[in-house]
Amino acid sequence: MPHEALAERSGLSVGNIAALQRVFANHPEVEQALLYGSRAKGTARKGSDIDLTLLGDKLDYRLLTRIETEIDDLLLPYTVDLSLFQQIDNPDLIDHIRRVGLIFYPSQ
């Protein structure tokens, strides 16, 4: 999804989307990031968090922590909830991500 379309749907600025994507691009282990939750559904309100889950065979919690720190350093005006898709054990959440998840990275 192009930045502009993703921005319109998610309520995030093109600049914030690009900043997050640059963080993911610095880590080749991140094969894909999916946006889910209210921002993927287009129902986000002011202050809604950014729900992202990462996919990649070589991802682990140590790298997730490093990526979270880099995202925190961006000083975005939102909370970013970051997870590893392969570590999610809630079937309802997995189903939700599969139904409404949007490809956030790499950009299309």
PDB file of N, CA and C in Angstrom:
ATOM      1  N   MET A   1       0.854  -1.173   0.000  1.00  0.00           N
ATOM      2  CA  MET A   1       0.000   0.000   0.000  1.00  0.00           C
ATOM      3  C   MET A   1       0.900   1.237   0.000  1.00  0.00           C
ATOM      4  N   PRO A   2       0.715   2.152  -0.939  1.00  0.00           N
ATOM      5  CA  PRO A   2       1.530   3.365  -0.997  1.00  0.00           C
ATOM      6  C   PRO A   2       1.392   4.186   0.289  1.00  0.00           C
ATOM      7  N   HIS A   3       2.427   4.959   0.595  1.00  0.00           N
ATOM      8  CA  HIS A   3       2.428   5.763   1.819  1.00  0.00           C
ATOM      9  C   HIS A   3       1.171   6.605   1.968  1.00  0.00           C
ATOM     10  N   GLU A   4       0.748   7.251   0.882  1.00  0.00           N
ATOM     11  CA  GLU A   4      -0.400   8.158   0.973  1.00  0.00           C
ATOM     12  C   GLU A   4      -1.673   7.390   1.342  1.00  0.00           C
ATOM     13  N   ALA A   5      -1.887   6.237   0.725  1.00  0.00           N
ATOM     14  CA  ALA A   5      -3.080   5.437   1.025  1.00  0.00           C
ATOM     15  C   ALA A   5      -3.016   4.902   2.452  1.00  0.00           C
ATOM     16  N   LEU A   6      -1.839   4.469   2.872  1.00  0.00           N
ATOM     17  CA  LEU A   6      -1.672   3.967   4.232  1.00  0.00           C
ATOM     18  C   LEU A   6      -1.889   5.097   5.235  1.00  0.00           C
ATOM     19  N   ALA A   7      -1.403   6.285   4.917  1.00  0.00           N
ATOM     20  CA  ALA A   7      -1.582   7.435   5.797  1.00  0.00           C
ATOM     21  C   ALA A   7      -3.065   7.767   5.951  1.00  0.00           C
ATOM     22  N   GLU A   8      -3.783   7.772   4.836  1.00  0.00           N
ATOM     23  CA  GLU A   8      -5.208   8.100   4.886  1.00  0.00           C
ATOM     24  C   GLU A   8      -5.978   7.070   5.708  1.00  0.00           C
ATOM     25  N   ARG A   9      -5.663   5.807   5.503  1.00  0.00           N
ATOM     26  CA  ARG A   9      -6.377   4.730   6.208  1.00  0.00           C
ATOM     27  C   ARG A   9      -6.047   4.709   7.697  1.00  0.00           C
ATOM     28  N   SER A  10      -4.764   4.903   8.030  1.00  0.00           N
ATOM     29  CA  SER A  10      -4.310   4.720   9.405  1.00  0.00           C
ATOM     30  C   SER A  10      -4.377   5.975  10.264  1.00  0.00           C
ATOM     31  N   GLY A  11      -4.462   7.133   9.618  1.00  0.00           N
ATOM     32  CA  GLY A  11      -4.426   8.377  10.380  1.00  0.00           C
ATOM     33  C   GLY A  11      -3.028   8.785  10.784  1.00  0.00           C
ATOM     34  N   LEU A  12      -2.016   8.130  10.231  1.00  0.00           N
ATOM     35  CA  LEU A  12      -0.619   8.475  10.495  1.00  0.00           C
ATOM     36  C   LEU A  12      -0.104   9.367   9.376  1.00  0.00           C
ATOM     37  N   SER A  13       0.856  10.202   9.697  1.00  0.00           N
ATOM     38  CA  SER A  13       1.431  11.040   8.648  1.00  0.00           C
ATOM     39  C   SER A  13       2.379  10.211   7.784  1.00  0.00           C
ATOM     40  N   VAL A  14       2.566  10.655   6.554  1.00  0.00           N
ATOM     41  CA  VAL A  14       3.515   9.997   5.653  1.00  0.00           C
ATOM     42  C   VAL A  14       4.899   9.992   6.289  1.00  0.00           C
ATOM     43  N   GLY A  15       5.255  11.069   6.968  1.00  0.00           N
ATOM     44  CA  GLY A  15       6.558  11.157   7.631  1.00  0.00           C
ATOM     45  C   GLY A  15       6.729  10.134   8.731  1.00  0.00           C
ATOM     46  N   ASN A  16       5.695   9.935   9.541  1.00  0.00           N
ATOM     47  CA  ASN A  16       5.779   8.934  10.607  1.00  0.00           C
ATOM     48  C   ASN A  16       5.859   7.524  10.036  1.00  0.00           C
ATOM     49  N   ILE A  17       5.108   7.265   8.977  1.00  0.00           N
ATOM     50  CA  ILE A  17       5.166   5.955   8.323  1.00  0.00           C
ATOM     51  C   ILE A  17       6.570   5.708   7.796  1.00  0.00           C
ATOM     52  N   ALA A  18       7.129   6.693   7.110  1.00  0.00           N
ATOM     53  CA  ALA A  18       8.475   6.546   6.542  1.00  0.00           C
ATOM     54  C   ALA A  18       9.514   6.346   7.637  1.00  0.00           C
ATOM     55  N   ALA A  19       9.379   7.049   8.749  1.00  0.00           N
ATOM     56  CA  ALA A  19      10.338   6.910   9.848  1.00  0.00           C
ATOM     57  C   ALA A  19      10.315   5.491  10.416  1.00  0.00           C
ATOM     58  N   LEU A  20       9.122   4.955  10.618  1.00  0.00           N
ATOM     59  CA  LEU A  20       9.013   3.582  11.114  1.00  0.00           C
ATOM     60  C   LEU A  20       9.579   2.587  10.107  1.00  0.00           C
ATOM     61  N   GLN A  21       9.285   2.802   8.838  1.00  0.00           N
ATOM     62  CA  GLN A  21       9.788   1.895   7.807  1.00  0.00           C
ATOM     63  C   GLN A  21      11.312   1.933   7.728  1.00  0.00           C
ATOM     64  N   ARG A  22      11.906   3.091   7.967  1.00  0.00           N
ATOM     65  CA  ARG A  22      13.382   3.172   7.962  1.00  0.00           C
ATOM     66  C   ARG A  22      13.983   2.329   9.083  1.00  0.00           C
ATOM     67  N   VAL A  23      13.328   2.331  10.236  1.00  0.00           N
ATOM     68  CA  VAL A  23      13.808   1.483  11.340  1.00  0.00           C
ATOM     69  C   VAL A  23      13.784   0.022  10.906  1.00  0.00           C
ATOM     70  N   PHE A  24      12.676  -0.417  10.318  1.00  0.00           N
ATOM     71  CA  PHE A  24      12.579  -1.814   9.889  1.00  0.00           C
ATOM     72  C   PHE A  24      13.605  -2.125   8.797  1.00  0.00           C
ATOM     73  N   ALA A  25      13.832  -1.177   7.895  1.00  0.00           N
ATOM     74  CA  ALA A  25      14.779  -1.385   6.794  1.00  0.00           C
ATOM     75  C   ALA A  25      16.203  -1.571   7.299  1.00  0.00           C
ATOM     76  N   ASN A  26      16.518  -1.046   8.480  1.00  0.00           N
ATOM     77  CA  ASN A  26      17.854  -1.202   9.062  1.00  0.00           C
ATOM     78  C   ASN A  26      18.090  -2.601   9.616  1.00  0.00           C
ATOM     79  N   HIS A  27      17.069  -3.425   9.609  1.00  0.00           N
ATOM     80  CA  HIS A  27      17.158  -4.776  10.171  1.00  0.00           C
ATOM     81  C   HIS A  27      16.681  -5.773   9.121  1.00  0.00           C
ATOM     82  N   PRO A  28      17.601  -6.381   8.382  1.00  0.00           N
ATOM     83  CA  PRO A  28      17.201  -7.315   7.321  1.00  0.00           C
ATOM     84  C   PRO A  28      16.423  -8.522   7.839  1.00  0.00           C
ATOM     85  N   GLU A  29      16.482  -8.773   9.126  1.00  0.00           N
ATOM     86  CA  GLU A  29      15.714  -9.879   9.701  1.00  0.00           C
ATOM     87  C   GLU A  29      14.207  -9.625   9.611  1.00  0.00           C
ATOM     88  N   VAL A  30      13.831  -8.351   9.516  1.00  0.00           N
ATOM     89  CA  VAL A  30      12.412  -7.992   9.392  1.00  0.00           C
ATOM     90  C   VAL A  30      12.013  -8.170   7.928  1.00  0.00           C
ATOM     91  N   GLU A  31      11.282  -9.228   7.661  1.00  0.00           N
ATOM     92  CA  GLU A  31      10.825  -9.492   6.300  1.00  0.00           C
ATOM     93  C   GLU A  31       9.546  -8.722   5.994  1.00  0.00           C
ATOM     94  N   GLN A  32       8.717  -8.549   7.015  1.00  0.00           N
ATOM     95  CA  GLN A  32       7.444  -7.863   6.816  1.00  0.00           C
ATOM     96  C   GLN A  32       6.953  -7.344   8.163  1.00  0.00           C
ATOM     97  N   ALA A  33       6.250  -6.218   8.114  1.00  0.00           N
ATOM     98  CA  ALA A  33       5.544  -5.689   9.283  1.00  0.00           C
ATOM     99  C   ALA A  33       4.094  -5.489   8.878  1.00  0.00           C
ATOM    100  N   LEU A  34       3.196  -5.955   9.722  1.00  0.00           N
ATOM    101  CA  LEU A  34       1.768  -5.813   9.466  1.00  0.00           C
ATOM    102  C   LEU A  34       1.157  -4.855  10.482  1.00  0.00           C
ATOM    103  N   LEU A  35       0.373  -3.920   9.988  1.00  0.00           N
ATOM    104  CA  LEU A  35      -0.389  -2.999  10.822  1.00  0.00           C
ATOM    105  C   LEU A  35      -1.752  -3.633  11.072  1.00  0.00           C
ATOM    106  N   TYR A  36      -2.197  -3.637  12.313  1.00  0.00           N
ATOM    107  CA  TYR A  36      -3.509  -4.191  12.625  1.00  0.00           C
ATOM    108  C   TYR A  36      -4.190  -3.301  13.661  1.00  0.00           C
ATOM    109  N   GLY A  37      -5.343  -3.705  14.113  1.00  0.00           N
ATOM    110  CA  GLY A  37      -6.062  -2.906  15.099  1.00  0.00           C
ATOM    111  C   GLY A  37      -6.830  -1.764  14.444  1.00  0.00           C
ATOM    112  N   SER A  38      -7.132  -0.757  15.253  1.00  0.00           N
ATOM    113  CA  SER A  38      -7.986   0.341  14.785  1.00  0.00           C
ATOM    114  C   SER A  38      -7.372   1.108  13.627  1.00  0.00           C
ATOM    115  N   ARG A  39      -6.050   1.225  13.589  1.00  0.00           N
ATOM    116  CA  ARG A  39      -5.427   1.969  12.487  1.00  0.00           C
ATOM    117  C   ARG A  39      -5.542   1.208  11.169  1.00  0.00           C
ATOM    118  N   ALA A  40      -5.513  -0.107  11.212  1.00  0.00           N
ATOM    119  CA  ALA A  40      -5.694  -0.902   9.985  1.00  0.00           C
ATOM    120  C   ALA A  40      -7.152  -0.889   9.540  1.00  0.00           C
ATOM    121  N   LYS A  41      -8.060  -0.821  10.505  1.00  0.00           N
ATOM    122  CA  LYS A  41      -9.484  -0.827  10.174  1.00  0.00           C
ATOM    123  C   LYS A  41      -9.990   0.553   9.769  1.00  0.00           C
ATOM    124  N   GLY A  42      -9.171   1.577   9.988  1.00  0.00           N
ATOM    125  CA  GLY A  42      -9.608   2.932   9.658  1.00  0.00           C
ATOM    126  C   GLY A  42     -10.503   3.544  10.711  1.00  0.00           C
ATOM    127  N   THR A  43     -10.462   3.005  11.927  1.00  0.00           N
ATOM    128  CA  THR A  43     -11.316   3.505  13.005  1.00  0.00           C
ATOM    129  C   THR A  43     -10.518   4.146  14.138  1.00  0.00           C
ATOM    130  N   ALA A  44      -9.261   4.473  13.872  1.00  0.00           N
ATOM    131  CA  ALA A  44      -8.410   5.052  14.918  1.00  0.00           C
ATOM    132  C   ALA A  44      -8.936   6.408  15.352  1.00  0.00           C
ATOM    133  N   ARG A  45      -8.736   6.692  16.613  1.00  0.00           N
ATOM    134  CA  ARG A  45      -9.088   7.994  17.175  1.00  0.00           C
ATOM    135  C   ARG A  45      -7.803   8.701  17.558  1.00  0.00           C
ATOM    136  N   LYS A  46      -7.921   9.957  17.889  1.00  0.00           N
ATOM    137  CA  LYS A  46      -6.753  10.714  18.328  1.00  0.00           C
ATOM    138  C   LYS A  46      -6.119   9.973  19.514  1.00  0.00           C
ATOM    139  N   GLY A  47      -4.837   9.730  19.427  1.00  0.00           N
ATOM    140  CA  GLY A  47      -4.137   9.045  20.503  1.00  0.00           C
ATOM    141  C   GLY A  47      -4.151   7.529  20.415  1.00  0.00           C
ATOM    142  N   SER A  48      -4.804   6.960  19.401  1.00  0.00           N
ATOM    143  CA  SER A  48      -4.788   5.494  19.251  1.00  0.00           C
ATOM    144  C   SER A  48      -3.349   5.014  19.065  1.00  0.00           C
ATOM    145  N   ASP A  49      -3.052   3.854  19.637  1.00  0.00           N
ATOM    146  CA  ASP A  49      -1.700   3.318  19.482  1.00  0.00           C
ATOM    147  C   ASP A  49      -1.527   2.741  18.079  1.00  0.00           C
ATOM    148  N   ILE A  50      -0.299   2.383  17.782  1.00  0.00           N
ATOM    149  CA  ILE A  50       0.052   1.777  16.495  1.00  0.00           C
ATOM    150  C   ILE A  50       0.384   0.318  16.776  1.00  0.00           C
ATOM    151  N   ASP A  51      -0.450  -0.580  16.306  1.00  0.00           N
ATOM    152  CA  ASP A  51      -0.241  -2.017  16.512  1.00  0.00           C
ATOM    153  C   ASP A  51       0.478  -2.593  15.300  1.00  0.00           C
ATOM    154  N   LEU A  52       1.681  -3.092  15.524  1.00  0.00           N
ATOM    155  CA  LEU A  52       2.480  -3.685  14.452  1.00  0.00           C
ATOM    156  C   LEU A  52       3.005  -5.035  14.895  1.00  0.00           C
ATOM    157  N   THR A  53       2.968  -5.997  14.006  1.00  0.00           N
ATOM    158  CA  THR A  53       3.588  -7.284  14.279  1.00  0.00           C
ATOM    159  C   THR A  53       4.607  -7.564  13.176  1.00  0.00           C
ATOM    160  N   LEU A  54       5.722  -8.126  13.584  1.00  0.00           N
ATOM    161  CA  LEU A  54       6.835  -8.357  12.663  1.00  0.00           C
ATOM    162  C   LEU A  54       6.927  -9.828  12.281  1.00  0.00           C
ATOM    163  N   LEU A  55       7.255 -10.056  11.018  1.00  0.00           N
ATOM    164  CA  LEU A  55       7.453 -11.413  10.511  1.00  0.00           C
ATOM    165  C   LEU A  55       8.870 -11.544   9.983  1.00  0.00           C
ATOM    166  N   GLY A  56       9.464 -12.686  10.248  1.00  0.00           N
ATOM    167  CA  GLY A  56      10.805 -12.984   9.771  1.00  0.00           C
ATOM    168  C   GLY A  56      11.358 -14.180  10.518  1.00  0.00           C
ATOM    169  N   ASP A  57      11.962 -15.089   9.787  1.00  0.00           N
ATOM    170  CA  ASP A  57      12.464 -16.327  10.387  1.00  0.00           C
ATOM    171  C   ASP A  57      13.592 -16.102  11.388  1.00  0.00           C
ATOM    172  N   LYS A  58      14.314 -15.000  11.272  1.00  0.00           N
ATOM    173  CA  LYS A  58      15.482 -14.766  12.127  1.00  0.00           C
ATOM    174  C   LYS A  58      15.217 -13.755  13.235  1.00  0.00           C
ATOM    175  N   LEU A  59      13.960 -13.402  13.448  1.00  0.00           N
ATOM    176  CA  LEU A  59      13.613 -12.450  14.504  1.00  0.00           C
ATOM    177  C   LEU A  59      13.604 -13.141  15.864  1.00  0.00           C
ATOM    178  N   ASP A  60      14.049 -12.426  16.879  1.00  0.00           N
ATOM    179  CA  ASP A  60      13.993 -12.915  18.255  1.00  0.00           C
ATOM    180  C   ASP A  60      13.709 -11.734  19.184  1.00  0.00           C
ATOM    181  N   TYR A  61      13.523 -12.019  20.470  1.00  0.00           N
ATOM    182  CA  TYR A  61      13.166 -10.966  21.415  1.00  0.00           C
ATOM    183  C   TYR A  61      14.283  -9.946  21.600  1.00  0.00           C
ATOM    184  N   ARG A  62      15.521 -10.376  21.492  1.00  0.00           N
ATOM    185  CA  ARG A  62      16.632  -9.431  21.624  1.00  0.00           C
ATOM    186  C   ARG A  62      16.564  -8.373  20.524  1.00  0.00           C
ATOM    187  N   LEU A  63      16.326  -8.808  19.305  1.00  0.00           N
ATOM    188  CA  LEU A  63      16.212  -7.868  18.194  1.00  0.00           C
ATOM    189  C   LEU A  63      14.943  -7.027  18.341  1.00  0.00           C
ATOM    190  N   LEU A  64      13.858  -7.632  18.792  1.00  0.00           N
ATOM    191  CA  LEU A  64      12.623  -6.882  19.011  1.00  0.00           C
ATOM    192  C   LEU A  64      12.868  -5.734  19.988  1.00  0.00           C
ATOM    193  N   THR A  65      13.607  -6.001  21.052  1.00  0.00           N
ATOM    194  CA  THR A  65      13.920  -4.962  22.036  1.00  0.00           C
ATOM    195  C   THR A  65      14.743  -3.848  21.398  1.00  0.00           C
ATOM    196  N   ARG A  66      15.700  -4.210  20.566  1.00  0.00           N
ATOM    197  CA  ARG A  66      16.522  -3.206  19.876  1.00  0.00           C
ATOM    198  C   ARG A  66      15.656  -2.336  18.957  1.00  0.00           C
ATOM    199  N   ILE A  67      14.752  -2.972  18.218  1.00  0.00           N
ATOM    200  CA  ILE A  67      13.864  -2.227  17.322  1.00  0.00           C
ATOM    201  C   ILE A  67      12.930  -1.325  18.131  1.00  0.00           C
ATOM    202  N   GLU A  68      12.420  -1.820  19.246  1.00  0.00           N
ATOM    203  CA  GLU A  68      11.557  -0.998  20.097  1.00  0.00           C
ATOM    204  C   GLU A  68      12.295   0.242  20.593  1.00  0.00           C
ATOM    205  N   THR A  69      13.560   0.084  20.956  1.00  0.00           N
ATOM    206  CA  THR A  69      14.358   1.219  21.413  1.00  0.00           C
ATOM    207  C   THR A  69      14.540   2.238  20.289  1.00  0.00           C
ATOM    208  N   GLU A  70      14.813   1.757  19.086  1.00  0.00           N
ATOM    209  CA  GLU A  70      14.969   2.667  17.944  1.00  0.00           C
ATOM    210  C   GLU A  70      13.670   3.406  17.645  1.00  0.00           C
ATOM    211  N   ILE A  71      12.549   2.720  17.788  1.00  0.00           N
ATOM    212  CA  ILE A  71      11.255   3.372  17.574  1.00  0.00           C
ATOM    213  C   ILE A  71      11.004   4.409  18.672  1.00  0.00           C
ATOM    214  N   ASP A  72      11.330   4.070  19.911  1.00  0.00           N
ATOM    215  CA  ASP A  72      11.182   5.039  21.001  1.00  0.00           C
ATOM    216  C   ASP A  72      12.005   6.298  20.732  1.00  0.00           C
ATOM    217  N   ASP A  73      13.179   6.124  20.149  1.00  0.00           N
ATOM    218  CA  ASP A  73      14.060   7.261  19.854  1.00  0.00           C
ATOM    219  C   ASP A  73      13.484   8.183  18.780  1.00  0.00           C
ATOM    220  N   LEU A  74      12.488   7.706  18.025  1.00  0.00           N
ATOM    221  CA  LEU A  74      11.846   8.545  17.013  1.00  0.00           C
ATOM    222  C   LEU A  74      10.981   9.631  17.649  1.00  0.00           C
ATOM    223  N   LEU A  75      10.611   9.429  18.915  1.00  0.00           N
ATOM    224  CA  LEU A  75       9.767  10.372  19.649  1.00  0.00           C
ATOM    225  C   LEU A  75       8.439  10.643  18.931  1.00  0.00           C
ATOM    226  N   LEU A  76       7.841   9.576  18.443  1.00  0.00           N
ATOM    227  CA  LEU A  76       6.538   9.688  17.792  1.00  0.00           C
ATOM    228  C   LEU A  76       5.481  10.057  18.832  1.00  0.00           C
ATOM    229  N   PRO A  77       4.439  10.757  18.420  1.00  0.00           N
ATOM    230  CA  PRO A  77       3.387  11.133  19.377  1.00  0.00           C
ATOM    231  C   PRO A  77       2.384  10.007  19.641  1.00  0.00           C
ATOM    232  N   TYR A  78       2.802   8.777  19.431  1.00  0.00           N
ATOM    233  CA  TYR A  78       1.928   7.613  19.608  1.00  0.00           C
ATOM    234  C   TYR A  78       2.692   6.522  20.348  1.00  0.00           C
ATOM    235  N   THR A  79       1.949   5.666  21.021  1.00  0.00           N
ATOM    236  CA  THR A  79       2.520   4.448  21.578  1.00  0.00           C
ATOM    237  C   THR A  79       2.545   3.411  20.460  1.00  0.00           C
ATOM    238  N   VAL A  80       3.670   2.712  20.328  1.00  0.00           N
ATOM    239  CA  VAL A  80       3.778   1.658  19.327  1.00  0.00           C
ATOM    240  C   VAL A  80       3.794   0.320  20.058  1.00  0.00           C
ATOM    241  N   ASP A  81       2.838  -0.522  19.736  1.00  0.00           N
ATOM    242  CA  ASP A  81       2.747  -1.862  20.298  1.00  0.00           C
ATOM    243  C   ASP A  81       3.328  -2.815  19.260  1.00  0.00           C
ATOM    244  N   LEU A  82       4.524  -3.316  19.548  1.00  0.00           N
ATOM    245  CA  LEU A  82       5.268  -4.135  18.597  1.00  0.00           C
ATOM    246  C   LEU A  82       5.315  -5.574  19.095  1.00  0.00           C
ATOM    247  N   SER A  83       5.097  -6.528  18.196  1.00  0.00           N
ATOM    248  CA  SER A  83       5.143  -7.939  18.569  1.00  0.00           C
ATOM    249  C   SER A  83       5.800  -8.750  17.461  1.00  0.00           C
ATOM    250  N   LEU A  84       6.147  -9.979  17.810  1.00  0.00           N
ATOM    251  CA  LEU A  84       6.639 -10.955  16.829  1.00  0.00           C
ATOM    252  C   LEU A  84       5.472 -11.882  16.498  1.00  0.00           C
ATOM    253  N   PHE A  85       5.086 -11.907  15.246  1.00  0.00           N
ATOM    254  CA  PHE A  85       3.908 -12.686  14.857  1.00  0.00           C
ATOM    255  C   PHE A  85       4.032 -14.142  15.280  1.00  0.00           C
ATOM    256  N   GLN A  86       5.215 -14.740  15.089  1.00  0.00           N
ATOM    257  CA  GLN A  86       5.360 -16.164  15.394  1.00  0.00           C
ATOM    258  C   GLN A  86       5.276 -16.455  16.897  1.00  0.00           C
ATOM    259  N   GLN A  87       5.325 -15.420  17.739  1.00  0.00           N
ATOM    260  CA  GLN A  87       5.231 -15.627  19.185  1.00  0.00           C
ATOM    261  C   GLN A  87       3.820 -15.360  19.729  1.00  0.00           C
ATOM    262  N   ILE A  88       2.923 -14.910  18.896  1.00  0.00           N
ATOM    263  CA  ILE A  88       1.551 -14.648  19.349  1.00  0.00           C
ATOM    264  C   ILE A  88       0.843 -15.987  19.536  1.00  0.00           C
ATOM    265  N   ASP A  89       0.282 -16.184  20.729  1.00  0.00           N
ATOM    266  CA  ASP A  89      -0.386 -17.462  21.000  1.00  0.00           C
ATOM    267  C   ASP A  89      -1.894 -17.310  21.207  1.00  0.00           C
ATOM    268  N   ASN A  90      -2.415 -16.121  20.965  1.00  0.00           N
ATOM    269  CA  ASN A  90      -3.846 -15.886  21.098  1.00  0.00           C
ATOM    270  C   ASN A  90      -4.499 -16.107  19.731  1.00  0.00           C
ATOM    271  N   PRO A  91      -5.287 -17.175  19.578  1.00  0.00           N
ATOM    272  CA  PRO A  91      -5.876 -17.474  18.262  1.00  0.00           C
ATOM    273  C   PRO A  91      -6.780 -16.363  17.735  1.00  0.00           C
ATOM    274  N   ASP A  92      -7.481 -15.669  18.635  1.00  0.00           N
ATOM    275  CA  ASP A  92      -8.343 -14.570  18.190  1.00  0.00           C
ATOM    276  C   ASP A  92      -7.526 -13.418  17.618  1.00  0.00           C
ATOM    277  N   LEU A  93      -6.393 -13.120  18.241  1.00  0.00           N
ATOM    278  CA  LEU A  93      -5.526 -12.056  17.743  1.00  0.00           C
ATOM    279  C   LEU A  93      -4.911 -12.448  16.401  1.00  0.00           C
ATOM    280  N   ILE A  94      -4.487 -13.684  16.281  1.00  0.00           N
ATOM    281  CA  ILE A  94      -3.936 -14.164  15.014  1.00  0.00           C
ATOM    282  C   ILE A  94      -4.983 -14.041  13.910  1.00  0.00           C
ATOM    283  N   ASP A  95      -6.209 -14.433  14.204  1.00  0.00           N
ATOM    284  CA  ASP A  95      -7.290 -14.330  13.227  1.00  0.00           C
ATOM    285  C   ASP A  95      -7.539 -12.864  12.853  1.00  0.00           C
ATOM    286  N   HIS A  96      -7.550 -11.982  13.845  1.00  0.00           N
ATOM    287  CA  HIS A  96      -7.755 -10.554  13.595  1.00  0.00           C
ATOM    288  C   HIS A  96      -6.667 -10.007  12.671  1.00  0.00           C
ATOM    289  N   ILE A  97      -5.416 -10.340  12.946  1.00  0.00           N
ATOM    290  CA  ILE A  97      -4.307  -9.857  12.124  1.00  0.00           C
ATOM    291  C   ILE A  97      -4.439 -10.383  10.699  1.00  0.00           C
ATOM    292  N   ARG A  98      -4.799 -11.628  10.559  1.00  0.00           N
ATOM    293  CA  ARG A  98      -4.957 -12.205   9.211  1.00  0.00           C
ATOM    294  C   ARG A  98      -6.118 -11.565   8.447  1.00  0.00           C
ATOM    295  N   ARG A  99      -7.161 -11.160   9.161  1.00  0.00           N
ATOM    296  CA  ARG A  99      -8.328 -10.559   8.512  1.00  0.00           C
ATOM    297  C   ARG A  99      -8.111  -9.093   8.147  1.00  0.00           C
ATOM    298  N   VAL A 100      -7.583  -8.305   9.090  1.00  0.00           N
ATOM    299  CA  VAL A 100      -7.536  -6.855   8.868  1.00  0.00           C
ATOM    300  C   VAL A 100      -6.129  -6.311   8.688  1.00  0.00           C
ATOM    301  N   GLY A 101      -5.117  -7.144   8.890  1.00  0.00           N
ATOM    302  CA  GLY A 101      -3.743  -6.661   8.813  1.00  0.00           C
ATOM    303  C   GLY A 101      -3.390  -6.086   7.446  1.00  0.00           C
ATOM    304  N   LEU A 102      -2.692  -4.967   7.479  1.00  0.00           N
ATOM    305  CA  LEU A 102      -2.215  -4.317   6.252  1.00  0.00           C
ATOM    306  C   LEU A 102      -0.698  -4.407   6.206  1.00  0.00           C
ATOM    307  N   ILE A 103      -0.162  -4.633   5.040  1.00  0.00           N
ATOM    308  CA  ILE A 103       1.291  -4.651   4.904  1.00  0.00           C
ATOM    309  C   ILE A 103       1.805  -3.235   5.114  1.00  0.00           C
ATOM    310  N   PHE A 104       2.588  -3.067   6.173  1.00  0.00           N
ATOM    311  CA  PHE A 104       3.152  -1.770   6.531  1.00  0.00           C
ATOM    312  C   PHE A 104       4.578  -1.644   6.001  1.00  0.00           C
ATOM    313  N   TYR A 105       5.288  -2.758   6.031  1.00  0.00           N
ATOM    314  CA  TYR A 105       6.657  -2.828   5.527  1.00  0.00           C
ATOM    315  C   TYR A 105       6.873  -4.216   4.963  1.00  0.00           C
ATOM    316  N   PRO A 106       7.536  -4.413   3.859  1.00  0.00           N
ATOM    317  CA  PRO A 106       7.999  -3.332   2.990  1.00  0.00           C
ATOM    318  C   PRO A 106       6.820  -2.654   2.310  1.00  0.00           C
ATOM    319  N   SER A 107       6.995  -1.387   1.996  1.00  0.00           N
ATOM    320  CA  SER A 107       5.900  -0.660   1.354  1.00  0.00           C
ATOM    321  C   SER A 107       5.705  -1.215  -0.051  1.00  0.00           C
ATOM    322  N   GLN A 108       4.495  -1.186  -0.509  1.00  0.00           N
ATOM    323  CA  GLN A 108       4.149  -1.737  -1.829  1.00  0.00           C
ATOM    324  C   GLN A 108       4.248  -0.681  -2.898  1.00  0.00           C
TER     325      GLN A 108
END
